[in-house]
Amino acid sequence: MMVSMFASVSGLKSHQTKMDVIGNNVANVNTVGFKAARTTFQEIFAQTLSSGSAPDSATGRGGTNPMQIGLGMTVDSISTDMGRGSVQRTESPSDLSIEGEGFFIVRSGNSGEFLFTRAGNFTFDVAGNLVTSSGKNVYGWMDYEITDDGYVFKTQDPIQPINLYEFNGESRRIMAARATTEAVLAGNLDATSKPVYGSDNDADVREIDDSVPATDGDGIPDIPDKDGKDGKNVEPHYIVPIHVYDVLGNEYKLNINFWKTYVYADGDQRHTQWYYLVTPEGSSASAVSGGNPAAGYLCFDATGKLVTNDQTNFPTSIKVEVTPPGDSGAGIFEFTLDLSRLTQYADDNSVSPSRVDGYPPGKLINYTIGDDGVITGIYDNGRRQPLAMIALAVFENPAGLEKVGSNEFRETANSGAFSVAAKPGTNGAGKLVPGTLEMSNVDLAAQFTEMIITQRGFQANSRVLTTADEILQELANLKR
């Protein structure tokens, strides 16, 4: 009789534990990154009244099964369901969820143990640190190297706290200026433009020896008067403005002036020559090439394509030296003017800058986070710069992690050790989904069902206890 009472008591205790787990699951139904728990039971052990026996062929007696009385039950496991919760979209660019395996890596400062979480409700504090809601630093990589394809973060380095504003003692609030080193023009020069030196009749093709137009030292083509004197400057057919920068970020506007100078015969081929001149605008800066005006000639064949096999007479690129004014604080800088992408067809002039590097200093005004974990700074000079990459941790057995509160976990002997951080989208780690949060994975319908089953189990065990008590009461009354 006492066995049934103690067995029912063990059932009451175990069902109470399961009810506690269910209650905690339901309480965290709206908790960001919460992982539900599940309770299972097992029998404690059994008292054997008789062992089983084998059949006896000699006597013809059959075998018997063991006779045992169970002595109750206990909690077998309380396991964590690591399935992904539903995703909620937010308006915050620093909110992140993980599509796939992996955990964010967090720690209090630069010491202590690493903790892991799926709750991506992060913010940047006043110092620029990426932190959790409880103030722990989010870890990743800050250093990268420039490559031909862009940049590559040094993920072989140890992870460190992510900070938008500083790295290795250098401020990232301000992007340093970069001097212009290359300017590329592309587009069309109008073939119907009237040549400066030649007849108004396009059919009048001249064979010439000297391709150098007359100038008065300013590099601008001149047209002499009827007496061959007092040349007048000729307005260019087309002007392309570009903006270049010195090493301090001072901006200079340069005009690339184009004149159609000659249409001439080169053997049995008809070629067209254009003259170009680089002139500064609105500043005391100067632009020269090898001590002479920054000018040159382009030659187009009869099909409108640029002649590129005579770089001596018709170079498709030149070095332009810009001398800033004395009060700018900057020294002379040089850039390459690339004109190799020009054409000459009977169409409107459309030459424009295709690419001009160099830029002024910029102030960090915003940021974005990509699905690869890269945090990119947006500056008010129109430039973007990678600032950090968020790291993820992947475990062999995520269910083996231990909950430590604040939606965080620590590694255990059964979870597998965290040794090397993974880039999002690699080594089994999922990609990030910016602007979203992973919510609780608690299934309310399943929890309510388990609650009903647990309640009935508790009631049944309490009924066993009261029934055993009534039987004992009857035994006590036999003495009367």
Protein backbone atom coordinates (compact mmCIF):
# COMPACT_ATOMS: atom_id res chain seq x y z
CA MET A 1 0.00 0.00 0.00
CA MET A 2 2.82 2.37 0.81
CA VAL A 3 4.30 1.70 -2.65
CA SER A 4 1.27 3.13 -4.41
CA MET A 5 1.34 6.22 -2.22
CA PHE A 6 5.00 6.93 -2.89
CA ALA A 7 4.56 6.17 -6.59
CA SER A 8 1.71 8.66 -6.82
CA VAL A 9 3.76 11.25 -4.94
CA SER A 10 6.57 10.86 -7.49
CA GLY A 11 3.98 11.32 -10.23
CA LEU A 12 2.69 14.50 -8.57
CA LYS A 13 6.20 15.91 -8.29
CA SER A 14 7.12 15.06 -11.87
CA HIS A 15 3.91 16.49 -13.31
CA GLN A 16 4.43 19.61 -11.23
CA THR A 17 7.89 19.98 -12.79
CA LYS A 18 6.40 19.60 -16.26
CA MET A 19 3.77 22.18 -15.40
CA ASP A 20 6.53 24.57 -14.34
CA VAL A 21 8.23 24.09 -17.71
CA ILE A 22 4.96 24.67 -19.57
CA GLY A 23 4.28 27.79 -17.51
CA ASN A 24 7.70 29.20 -18.37
CA ASN A 25 7.14 28.46 -22.07
CA VAL A 26 3.79 30.24 -22.08
CA ALA A 27 5.22 33.17 -20.11
CA ASN A 28 7.90 33.64 -22.82
CA VAL A 29 5.58 33.31 -25.80
CA ASN A 30 6.55 36.85 -26.93
CA THR A 31 10.19 36.86 -25.79
CA VAL A 32 12.69 37.62 -28.56
CA GLY A 33 14.87 34.62 -29.35
CA PHE A 34 13.35 32.40 -26.64
CA LYS A 35 13.65 28.64 -27.10
CA ALA A 36 10.90 26.44 -25.66
CA ALA A 37 11.66 23.50 -23.37
CA ARG A 38 10.10 20.02 -23.38
CA THR A 39 9.73 17.63 -20.45
CA THR A 40 9.77 13.84 -20.73
CA PHE A 41 9.32 11.19 -18.00
CA GLN A 42 10.83 7.81 -17.21
CA GLU A 43 10.08 5.00 -14.78
CA ILE A 44 12.33 4.98 -11.70
CA PHE A 45 12.79 1.20 -11.19
CA ALA A 46 10.67 -1.84 -10.45
CA GLN A 47 10.48 -4.27 -7.50
CA THR A 48 10.76 -7.85 -8.81
CA LEU A 49 8.43 -10.32 -7.12
CA SER A 50 9.52 -13.25 -9.27
CA SER A 51 11.83 -13.71 -12.17
CA GLY A 52 10.72 -15.23 -15.40
CA SER A 53 11.35 -18.88 -16.17
CA ALA A 54 12.01 -20.72 -19.39
CA PRO A 55 9.73 -23.45 -20.75
CA ASP A 56 10.57 -26.99 -19.56
CA SER A 57 10.31 -29.39 -22.48
CA ALA A 58 10.81 -32.41 -20.23
CA THR A 59 7.74 -31.69 -18.09
CA GLY A 60 5.87 -29.81 -20.72
CA ARG A 61 5.59 -26.77 -18.44
CA GLY A 62 5.47 -23.41 -20.14
CA GLY A 63 7.60 -20.42 -19.32
CA THR A 64 6.55 -17.62 -16.97
CA ASN A 65 7.12 -13.88 -17.24
CA PRO A 66 8.68 -11.79 -14.48
CA MET A 67 6.35 -10.22 -11.92
CA GLN A 68 7.35 -6.63 -11.04
CA ILE A 69 5.82 -3.63 -9.29
CA GLY A 70 6.90 -0.20 -10.45
CA LEU A 71 8.02 2.22 -7.76
CA GLY A 72 7.05 5.46 -9.47
CA MET A 73 8.43 7.83 -12.08
CA THR A 74 10.75 10.79 -12.43
CA VAL A 75 11.68 13.47 -14.94
CA ASP A 76 13.76 11.94 -17.73
CA SER A 77 14.81 15.15 -19.51
CA ILE A 78 14.06 18.82 -19.91
CA SER A 79 15.39 19.53 -23.39
CA THR A 80 15.54 22.76 -25.38
CA ASP A 81 13.84 23.03 -28.75
CA MET A 82 16.35 24.90 -30.94
CA GLY A 83 13.98 25.25 -33.88
CA ARG A 84 13.76 28.69 -35.48
CA GLY A 85 11.01 30.94 -34.21
CA SER A 86 8.78 33.12 -36.34
CA VAL A 87 10.36 36.24 -37.84
CA GLN A 88 8.99 39.70 -37.15
CA ARG A 89 9.95 42.65 -39.34
CA THR A 90 10.96 45.84 -37.58
CA GLU A 91 12.03 49.34 -38.61
CA SER A 92 15.43 49.20 -36.89
CA PRO A 93 18.47 48.55 -39.12
CA SER A 94 20.35 47.05 -36.16
CA ASP A 95 17.74 44.33 -35.53
CA LEU A 96 18.98 41.01 -36.89
CA SER A 97 17.75 37.45 -37.20
CA ILE A 98 19.62 34.38 -38.42
CA GLU A 99 18.22 32.36 -41.30
CA GLY A 100 19.74 29.00 -40.51
CA GLU A 101 22.14 27.70 -37.89
CA GLY A 102 24.34 29.79 -35.66
CA PHE A 103 24.35 32.14 -32.69
CA PHE A 104 25.49 35.71 -32.16
CA ILE A 105 28.60 35.91 -29.98
CA VAL A 106 28.40 38.32 -27.02
CA ARG A 107 30.48 39.09 -23.96
CA SER A 108 30.68 41.70 -21.21
CA GLY A 109 33.63 43.83 -22.26
CA ASN A 110 36.95 42.27 -23.20
CA SER A 111 37.07 39.56 -20.52
CA GLY A 112 34.95 36.75 -19.20
CA GLU A 113 33.31 33.90 -21.04
CA PHE A 114 31.63 34.17 -24.40
CA LEU A 115 27.86 33.76 -24.41
CA PHE A 116 25.61 33.01 -27.36
CA THR A 117 22.17 34.22 -28.35
CA ARG A 118 19.60 34.14 -31.14
CA ALA A 119 18.04 37.40 -29.92
CA GLY A 120 19.24 40.04 -32.37
CA ASN A 121 17.63 43.13 -30.84
CA PHE A 122 20.89 45.08 -30.89
CA THR A 123 21.62 48.80 -30.66
CA PHE A 124 24.63 51.09 -30.94
CA ASP A 125 25.49 52.92 -27.74
CA VAL A 126 26.83 56.48 -27.52
CA ALA A 127 30.40 55.22 -27.95
CA GLY A 128 29.52 53.33 -31.15
CA ASN A 129 29.57 49.84 -29.61
CA LEU A 130 27.12 47.26 -30.96
CA VAL A 131 25.46 45.90 -27.81
CA THR A 132 22.64 43.64 -26.67
CA SER A 133 19.66 44.89 -24.68
CA SER A 134 21.58 44.03 -21.50
CA GLY A 135 24.70 45.95 -22.60
CA LYS A 136 26.91 43.06 -23.67
CA ASN A 137 29.23 43.65 -26.63
CA VAL A 138 28.51 41.88 -29.92
CA TYR A 139 31.67 40.38 -31.41
CA GLY A 140 33.02 40.15 -34.95
CA TRP A 141 35.91 41.42 -37.06
CA MET A 142 36.98 45.01 -37.68
CA ASP A 143 40.08 44.71 -39.85
CA TYR A 144 40.04 44.07 -43.60
CA GLU A 145 42.33 44.37 -46.59
CA ILE A 146 41.68 45.94 -49.97
CA THR A 147 41.75 43.54 -52.94
CA ASP A 148 41.17 43.79 -56.68
CA ASP A 149 37.58 42.66 -56.10
CA GLY A 150 36.92 45.09 -53.24
CA TYR A 151 37.80 44.03 -49.71
CA VAL A 152 38.19 40.91 -47.57
CA PHE A 153 37.78 40.87 -43.79
CA LYS A 154 40.59 39.17 -41.88
CA THR A 155 38.44 36.43 -40.38
CA GLN A 156 41.51 34.45 -39.38
CA ASP A 157 42.15 37.09 -36.70
CA PRO A 158 40.59 36.83 -33.21
CA ILE A 159 37.12 38.34 -32.90
CA GLN A 160 36.71 41.62 -31.04
CA PRO A 161 33.90 43.95 -29.88
CA ILE A 162 32.30 45.74 -32.82
CA ASN A 163 32.55 49.53 -32.78
CA LEU A 164 31.47 51.89 -35.55
CA TYR A 165 33.54 54.87 -34.50
CA GLU A 166 37.06 53.64 -33.74
CA PHE A 167 39.50 50.92 -34.75
CA ASN A 168 43.12 50.62 -33.65
CA GLY A 169 43.03 54.14 -32.25
CA GLU A 170 41.81 55.68 -35.52
CA SER A 171 38.47 57.42 -35.80
CA ARG A 172 35.99 56.16 -38.37
CA ARG A 173 33.54 58.99 -37.78
CA ILE A 174 35.43 60.94 -40.44
CA MET A 175 36.51 59.41 -43.74
CA ALA A 176 39.85 60.82 -44.87
CA ALA A 177 40.00 62.56 -48.22
CA ARG A 178 41.58 60.84 -51.20
CA ALA A 179 43.37 62.61 -54.02
CA THR A 180 42.20 61.98 -57.56
CA THR A 181 44.46 59.61 -59.49
CA GLU A 182 42.28 58.76 -62.50
CA ALA A 183 39.52 60.34 -64.54
CA VAL A 184 37.84 58.35 -67.31
CA LEU A 185 35.64 59.97 -69.95
CA ALA A 186 33.22 58.05 -72.16
CA GLY A 187 30.69 58.99 -74.81
CA ASN A 188 30.39 60.44 -78.30
CA LEU A 189 31.83 63.47 -80.06
CA ASP A 190 29.52 64.79 -82.77
CA ALA A 191 30.97 63.96 -86.20
CA THR A 192 28.86 66.70 -87.82
CA SER A 193 30.73 69.48 -85.97
CA LYS A 194 32.50 71.92 -88.32
CA PRO A 195 36.29 71.65 -88.14
CA VAL A 196 38.19 74.68 -86.88
CA TYR A 197 40.87 74.46 -89.60
CA GLY A 198 39.23 73.59 -92.87
CA SER A 199 36.42 74.39 -95.28
CA ASP A 200 32.81 74.51 -94.20
CA ASN A 201 32.32 71.83 -96.84
CA ASP A 202 32.83 68.45 -95.16
CA ALA A 203 33.68 66.99 -98.54
CA ASP A 204 36.79 69.16 -98.70
CA VAL A 205 39.36 66.72 -97.36
CA ARG A 206 42.90 68.03 -97.04
CA GLU A 207 46.16 66.15 -96.87
CA ILE A 208 48.29 67.87 -94.24
CA ASP A 209 51.71 67.42 -92.74
CA ASP A 210 51.45 69.61 -89.64
CA SER A 211 48.69 68.61 -87.26
CA VAL A 212 49.49 71.23 -84.61
CA PRO A 213 46.96 74.10 -84.51
CA ALA A 214 48.11 77.66 -84.00
CA THR A 215 47.85 78.92 -80.43
CA ASP A 216 49.07 82.00 -78.59
CA GLY A 217 50.57 80.04 -75.70
CA ASP A 218 47.34 79.44 -73.82
CA GLY A 219 46.75 76.11 -75.53
CA ILE A 220 43.50 77.31 -77.13
CA PRO A 221 43.30 77.06 -80.95
CA ASP A 222 43.40 80.45 -82.72
CA ILE A 223 41.93 81.62 -86.03
CA PRO A 224 44.02 84.43 -87.62
CA ASP A 225 42.44 87.42 -89.36
CA LYS A 226 42.56 87.94 -93.12
CA ASP A 227 46.10 89.27 -92.89
CA GLY A 228 47.26 86.20 -90.99
CA LYS A 229 47.72 88.14 -87.76
CA ASP A 230 46.00 88.64 -84.41
CA GLY A 231 44.61 85.16 -83.95
CA LYS A 232 41.31 84.90 -82.11
CA ASN A 233 40.49 82.14 -79.65
CA VAL A 234 37.99 79.63 -80.97
CA GLU A 235 35.14 78.49 -78.77
CA PRO A 236 35.29 74.73 -78.12
CA HIS A 237 32.72 72.45 -79.70
CA TYR A 238 32.08 70.70 -76.41
CA ILE A 239 33.09 71.14 -72.76
CA VAL A 240 33.07 68.35 -70.18
CA PRO A 241 33.42 69.47 -66.54
CA ILE A 242 35.00 67.14 -63.99
CA HIS A 243 35.70 67.57 -60.29
CA VAL A 244 39.02 66.43 -58.83
CA TYR A 245 40.38 66.50 -55.28
CA ASP A 246 43.76 66.99 -53.67
CA VAL A 247 45.02 64.93 -50.73
CA LEU A 248 43.34 67.29 -48.24
CA GLY A 249 39.98 67.04 -49.95
CA ASN A 250 39.98 70.46 -51.62
CA GLU A 251 37.80 70.36 -54.74
CA TYR A 252 38.80 71.73 -58.13
CA LYS A 253 36.63 71.98 -61.21
CA LEU A 254 38.42 71.26 -64.45
CA ASN A 255 36.97 71.67 -67.92
CA ILE A 256 37.94 69.26 -70.69
CA ASN A 257 37.52 71.35 -73.87
CA PHE A 258 37.14 69.63 -77.25
CA TRP A 259 37.67 71.14 -80.73
CA LYS A 260 37.22 69.34 -84.00
CA THR A 261 40.31 70.57 -85.81
CA TYR A 262 40.86 68.67 -89.06
CA VAL A 263 39.33 66.21 -91.46
CA TYR A 264 42.22 64.93 -93.53
CA ALA A 265 43.38 62.12 -95.75
CA ASP A 266 45.90 59.64 -94.50
CA GLY A 267 46.70 57.67 -97.61
CA ASP A 268 43.39 56.38 -98.89
CA GLN A 269 41.80 56.68 -95.45
CA ARG A 270 39.80 59.63 -94.17
CA HIS A 271 40.58 60.58 -90.56
CA THR A 272 39.24 63.20 -88.20
CA GLN A 273 41.35 64.94 -85.61
CA TRP A 274 40.09 66.44 -82.33
CA TYR A 275 42.08 68.64 -80.00
CA TYR A 276 41.45 68.68 -76.25
CA LEU A 277 42.66 71.02 -73.50
CA VAL A 278 42.30 70.79 -69.71
CA THR A 279 41.63 74.15 -68.03
CA PRO A 280 40.83 74.95 -64.38
CA GLU A 281 37.71 76.94 -63.64
CA GLY A 282 37.09 79.43 -60.87
CA SER A 283 40.32 78.88 -58.93
CA SER A 284 43.94 79.90 -58.98
CA ALA A 285 44.98 76.29 -59.55
CA SER A 286 46.81 75.33 -62.72
CA ALA A 287 46.72 72.16 -64.82
CA VAL A 288 49.69 71.19 -66.96
CA SER A 289 51.24 68.08 -68.48
CA GLY A 290 55.01 67.88 -68.48
CA GLY A 291 55.28 71.64 -68.02
CA ASN A 292 53.08 72.36 -71.06
CA PRO A 293 49.34 72.96 -71.28
CA ALA A 294 47.48 69.74 -70.48
CA ALA A 295 46.37 69.12 -74.05
CA GLY A 296 46.51 66.52 -76.76
CA TYR A 297 45.00 65.15 -79.95
CA LEU A 298 42.62 62.33 -80.70
CA CYS A 299 42.25 60.71 -84.09
CA PHE A 300 39.14 58.90 -85.31
CA ASP A 301 39.00 56.68 -88.38
CA ALA A 302 36.30 56.66 -91.05
CA THR A 303 34.14 54.33 -88.94
CA GLY A 304 34.09 56.69 -85.97
CA LYS A 305 36.40 54.59 -83.85
CA LEU A 306 39.37 55.95 -81.95
CA VAL A 307 42.78 55.30 -83.49
CA THR A 308 44.84 53.67 -80.76
CA ASN A 309 47.92 52.41 -82.62
CA ASP A 310 49.73 55.78 -82.59
CA GLN A 311 50.15 56.67 -78.93
CA THR A 312 53.02 59.02 -79.74
CA ASN A 313 51.00 61.50 -81.81
CA PHE A 314 47.54 60.59 -80.60
CA PRO A 315 47.77 59.36 -76.99
CA THR A 316 44.45 58.20 -75.56
CA SER A 317 45.52 59.17 -72.05
CA ILE A 318 47.73 61.86 -70.52
CA LYS A 319 49.10 62.73 -67.11
CA VAL A 320 47.62 65.96 -65.74
CA GLU A 321 49.47 67.80 -62.98
CA VAL A 322 47.31 70.06 -60.83
CA THR A 323 48.99 72.73 -58.72
CA PRO A 324 46.64 73.92 -55.96
CA PRO A 325 46.77 77.56 -54.84
CA GLY A 326 49.32 78.32 -52.16
CA ASP A 327 46.79 78.85 -49.38
CA SER A 328 45.19 75.42 -49.85
CA GLY A 329 47.86 73.63 -47.81
CA ALA A 330 48.08 70.84 -50.39
CA GLY A 331 50.89 70.00 -52.76
CA ILE A 332 50.90 69.17 -56.45
CA PHE A 333 48.98 66.05 -57.38
CA GLU A 334 48.75 64.14 -60.64
CA PHE A 335 46.00 62.12 -62.24
CA THR A 336 45.57 60.19 -65.48
CA LEU A 337 42.99 61.48 -67.94
CA ASP A 338 41.72 58.45 -69.90
CA LEU A 339 39.95 59.20 -73.20
CA SER A 340 40.11 55.71 -74.71
CA ARG A 341 36.35 55.19 -74.52
CA LEU A 342 35.33 57.99 -76.87
CA THR A 343 33.66 57.59 -80.27
CA GLN A 344 32.81 59.94 -83.13
CA TYR A 345 29.46 59.35 -84.79
CA ALA A 346 26.88 61.63 -86.35
CA ASP A 347 25.06 62.03 -83.08
CA ASP A 348 24.88 64.56 -80.28
CA ASN A 349 27.87 65.20 -78.07
CA SER A 350 27.48 62.95 -75.03
CA VAL A 351 30.93 62.76 -73.46
CA SER A 352 30.75 62.67 -69.66
CA PRO A 353 32.83 61.40 -66.74
CA SER A 354 32.53 57.62 -66.53
CA ARG A 355 34.70 57.30 -63.44
CA VAL A 356 36.61 59.86 -61.41
CA ASP A 357 38.23 58.62 -58.23
CA GLY A 358 39.16 60.82 -55.32
CA TYR A 359 36.74 62.39 -52.88
CA PRO A 360 36.53 64.96 -50.09
CA PRO A 361 36.46 64.03 -46.41
CA GLY A 362 33.14 62.67 -45.17
CA LYS A 363 31.26 62.38 -41.90
CA LEU A 364 29.57 59.13 -40.89
CA ILE A 365 25.81 59.72 -41.08
CA ASN A 366 24.28 56.25 -41.31
CA TYR A 367 25.01 52.55 -41.75
CA THR A 368 23.60 49.39 -43.28
CA ILE A 369 24.02 45.71 -42.36
CA GLY A 370 24.08 43.10 -45.12
CA ASP A 371 23.06 39.44 -45.03
CA ASP A 372 26.77 38.61 -44.97
CA GLY A 373 27.12 40.40 -41.65
CA VAL A 374 29.09 43.34 -43.06
CA ILE A 375 28.31 46.70 -41.46
CA THR A 376 28.84 49.45 -44.04
CA GLY A 377 29.19 53.10 -43.07
CA ILE A 378 27.45 55.76 -45.17
CA TYR A 379 29.22 59.14 -45.29
CA ASP A 380 27.96 62.57 -46.28
CA ASN A 381 30.47 62.73 -49.15
CA GLY A 382 28.50 60.00 -50.90
CA ARG A 383 31.04 57.28 -50.17
CA ARG A 384 30.58 53.98 -48.35
CA GLN A 385 33.12 52.10 -46.27
CA PRO A 386 33.03 48.67 -44.59
CA LEU A 387 33.34 49.04 -40.83
CA ALA A 388 32.91 45.56 -39.35
CA MET A 389 31.62 42.03 -39.92
CA ILE A 390 29.42 40.25 -37.38
CA ALA A 391 30.61 36.76 -36.42
CA LEU A 392 28.48 33.69 -35.67
CA ALA A 393 29.14 30.59 -33.58
CA VAL A 394 28.08 27.11 -34.74
CA PHE A 395 27.84 24.08 -32.42
CA GLU A 396 27.70 20.36 -33.11
CA ASN A 397 24.83 19.99 -30.62
CA PRO A 398 23.01 23.30 -30.05
CA ALA A 399 20.50 21.59 -27.74
CA GLY A 400 23.41 20.92 -25.39
CA LEU A 401 23.83 24.63 -24.62
CA GLU A 402 22.92 25.84 -21.14
CA LYS A 403 20.51 28.73 -20.62
CA VAL A 404 21.94 31.53 -18.46
CA GLY A 405 19.14 34.10 -18.71
CA SER A 406 18.73 37.21 -20.86
CA ASN A 407 18.02 34.90 -23.84
CA GLU A 408 21.65 33.77 -23.73
CA PHE A 409 23.41 30.41 -23.62
CA ARG A 410 26.81 29.11 -22.58
CA GLU A 411 28.65 26.15 -24.02
CA THR A 412 28.75 22.82 -22.17
CA ALA A 413 30.64 19.58 -22.57
CA ASN A 414 27.75 18.17 -24.61
CA SER A 415 27.23 21.18 -26.90
CA GLY A 416 30.70 21.04 -28.35
CA ALA A 417 33.32 23.70 -27.86
CA PHE A 418 33.22 27.10 -29.51
CA SER A 419 36.66 27.58 -31.01
CA VAL A 420 36.47 29.36 -34.38
CA ALA A 421 33.90 31.98 -35.35
CA ALA A 422 32.18 31.68 -38.72
CA LYS A 423 31.26 34.27 -41.30
CA PRO A 424 27.49 34.41 -41.91
CA GLY A 425 26.61 32.08 -44.75
CA THR A 426 29.73 29.90 -44.38
CA ASN A 427 30.82 26.83 -42.40
CA GLY A 428 27.25 25.87 -41.58
CA ALA A 429 26.28 29.32 -40.29
CA GLY A 430 23.12 30.89 -41.63
CA LYS A 431 22.77 34.28 -43.28
CA LEU A 432 21.56 37.37 -41.47
CA VAL A 433 18.22 39.01 -42.17
CA PRO A 434 18.55 42.73 -41.32
CA GLY A 435 15.55 44.61 -39.98
CA THR A 436 13.95 41.48 -38.49
CA LEU A 437 13.82 39.71 -35.13
CA GLU A 438 13.48 36.02 -34.40
CA MET A 439 10.63 35.67 -31.94
CA SER A 440 9.88 32.87 -29.47
CA ASN A 441 9.41 29.39 -30.96
CA VAL A 442 6.73 28.51 -28.37
CA ASP A 443 3.68 26.85 -29.99
CA LEU A 444 0.74 27.94 -27.83
CA ALA A 445 -1.60 25.27 -29.19
CA ALA A 446 0.90 22.54 -28.33
CA GLN A 447 1.56 24.06 -24.90
CA PHE A 448 -2.15 24.19 -24.03
CA THR A 449 -2.53 20.59 -25.14
CA GLU A 450 0.39 19.57 -22.94
CA MET A 451 -1.10 21.60 -20.12
CA ILE A 452 -4.37 19.65 -20.30
CA ILE A 453 -2.52 16.32 -20.39
CA THR A 454 -0.33 17.36 -17.47
CA GLN A 455 -3.33 18.51 -15.47
CA ARG A 456 -5.09 15.19 -16.01
CA GLY A 457 -1.95 13.29 -15.06
CA PHE A 458 -1.66 15.31 -11.85
CA GLN A 459 -5.33 14.70 -11.05
CA ALA A 460 -4.96 10.95 -11.64
CA ASN A 461 -1.94 10.72 -9.35
CA SER A 462 -3.72 12.69 -6.65
CA ARG A 463 -6.67 10.30 -7.01
CA VAL A 464 -4.31 7.34 -6.41
CA LEU A 465 -3.00 9.05 -3.29
CA THR A 466 -6.48 9.75 -1.85
CA THR A 467 -7.67 6.23 -2.70
CA ALA A 468 -4.66 4.68 -0.96
CA ASP A 469 -5.36 6.92 2.03
CA GLU A 470 -8.98 5.72 2.17
CA ILE A 471 -7.84 2.09 2.07
CA LEU A 472 -5.44 2.73 4.93
CA GLN A 473 -8.26 4.37 6.83
CA GLU A 474 -10.40 1.28 6.33
CA LEU A 475 -7.56 -0.87 7.65
CA ALA A 476 -7.29 1.34 10.70
CA ASN A 477 -11.02 0.98 11.31
CA LEU A 478 -10.80 -2.83 11.40
CA LYS A 479 -9.51 -2.57 14.96
CA ARG A 480 -12.72 -0.96 16.17
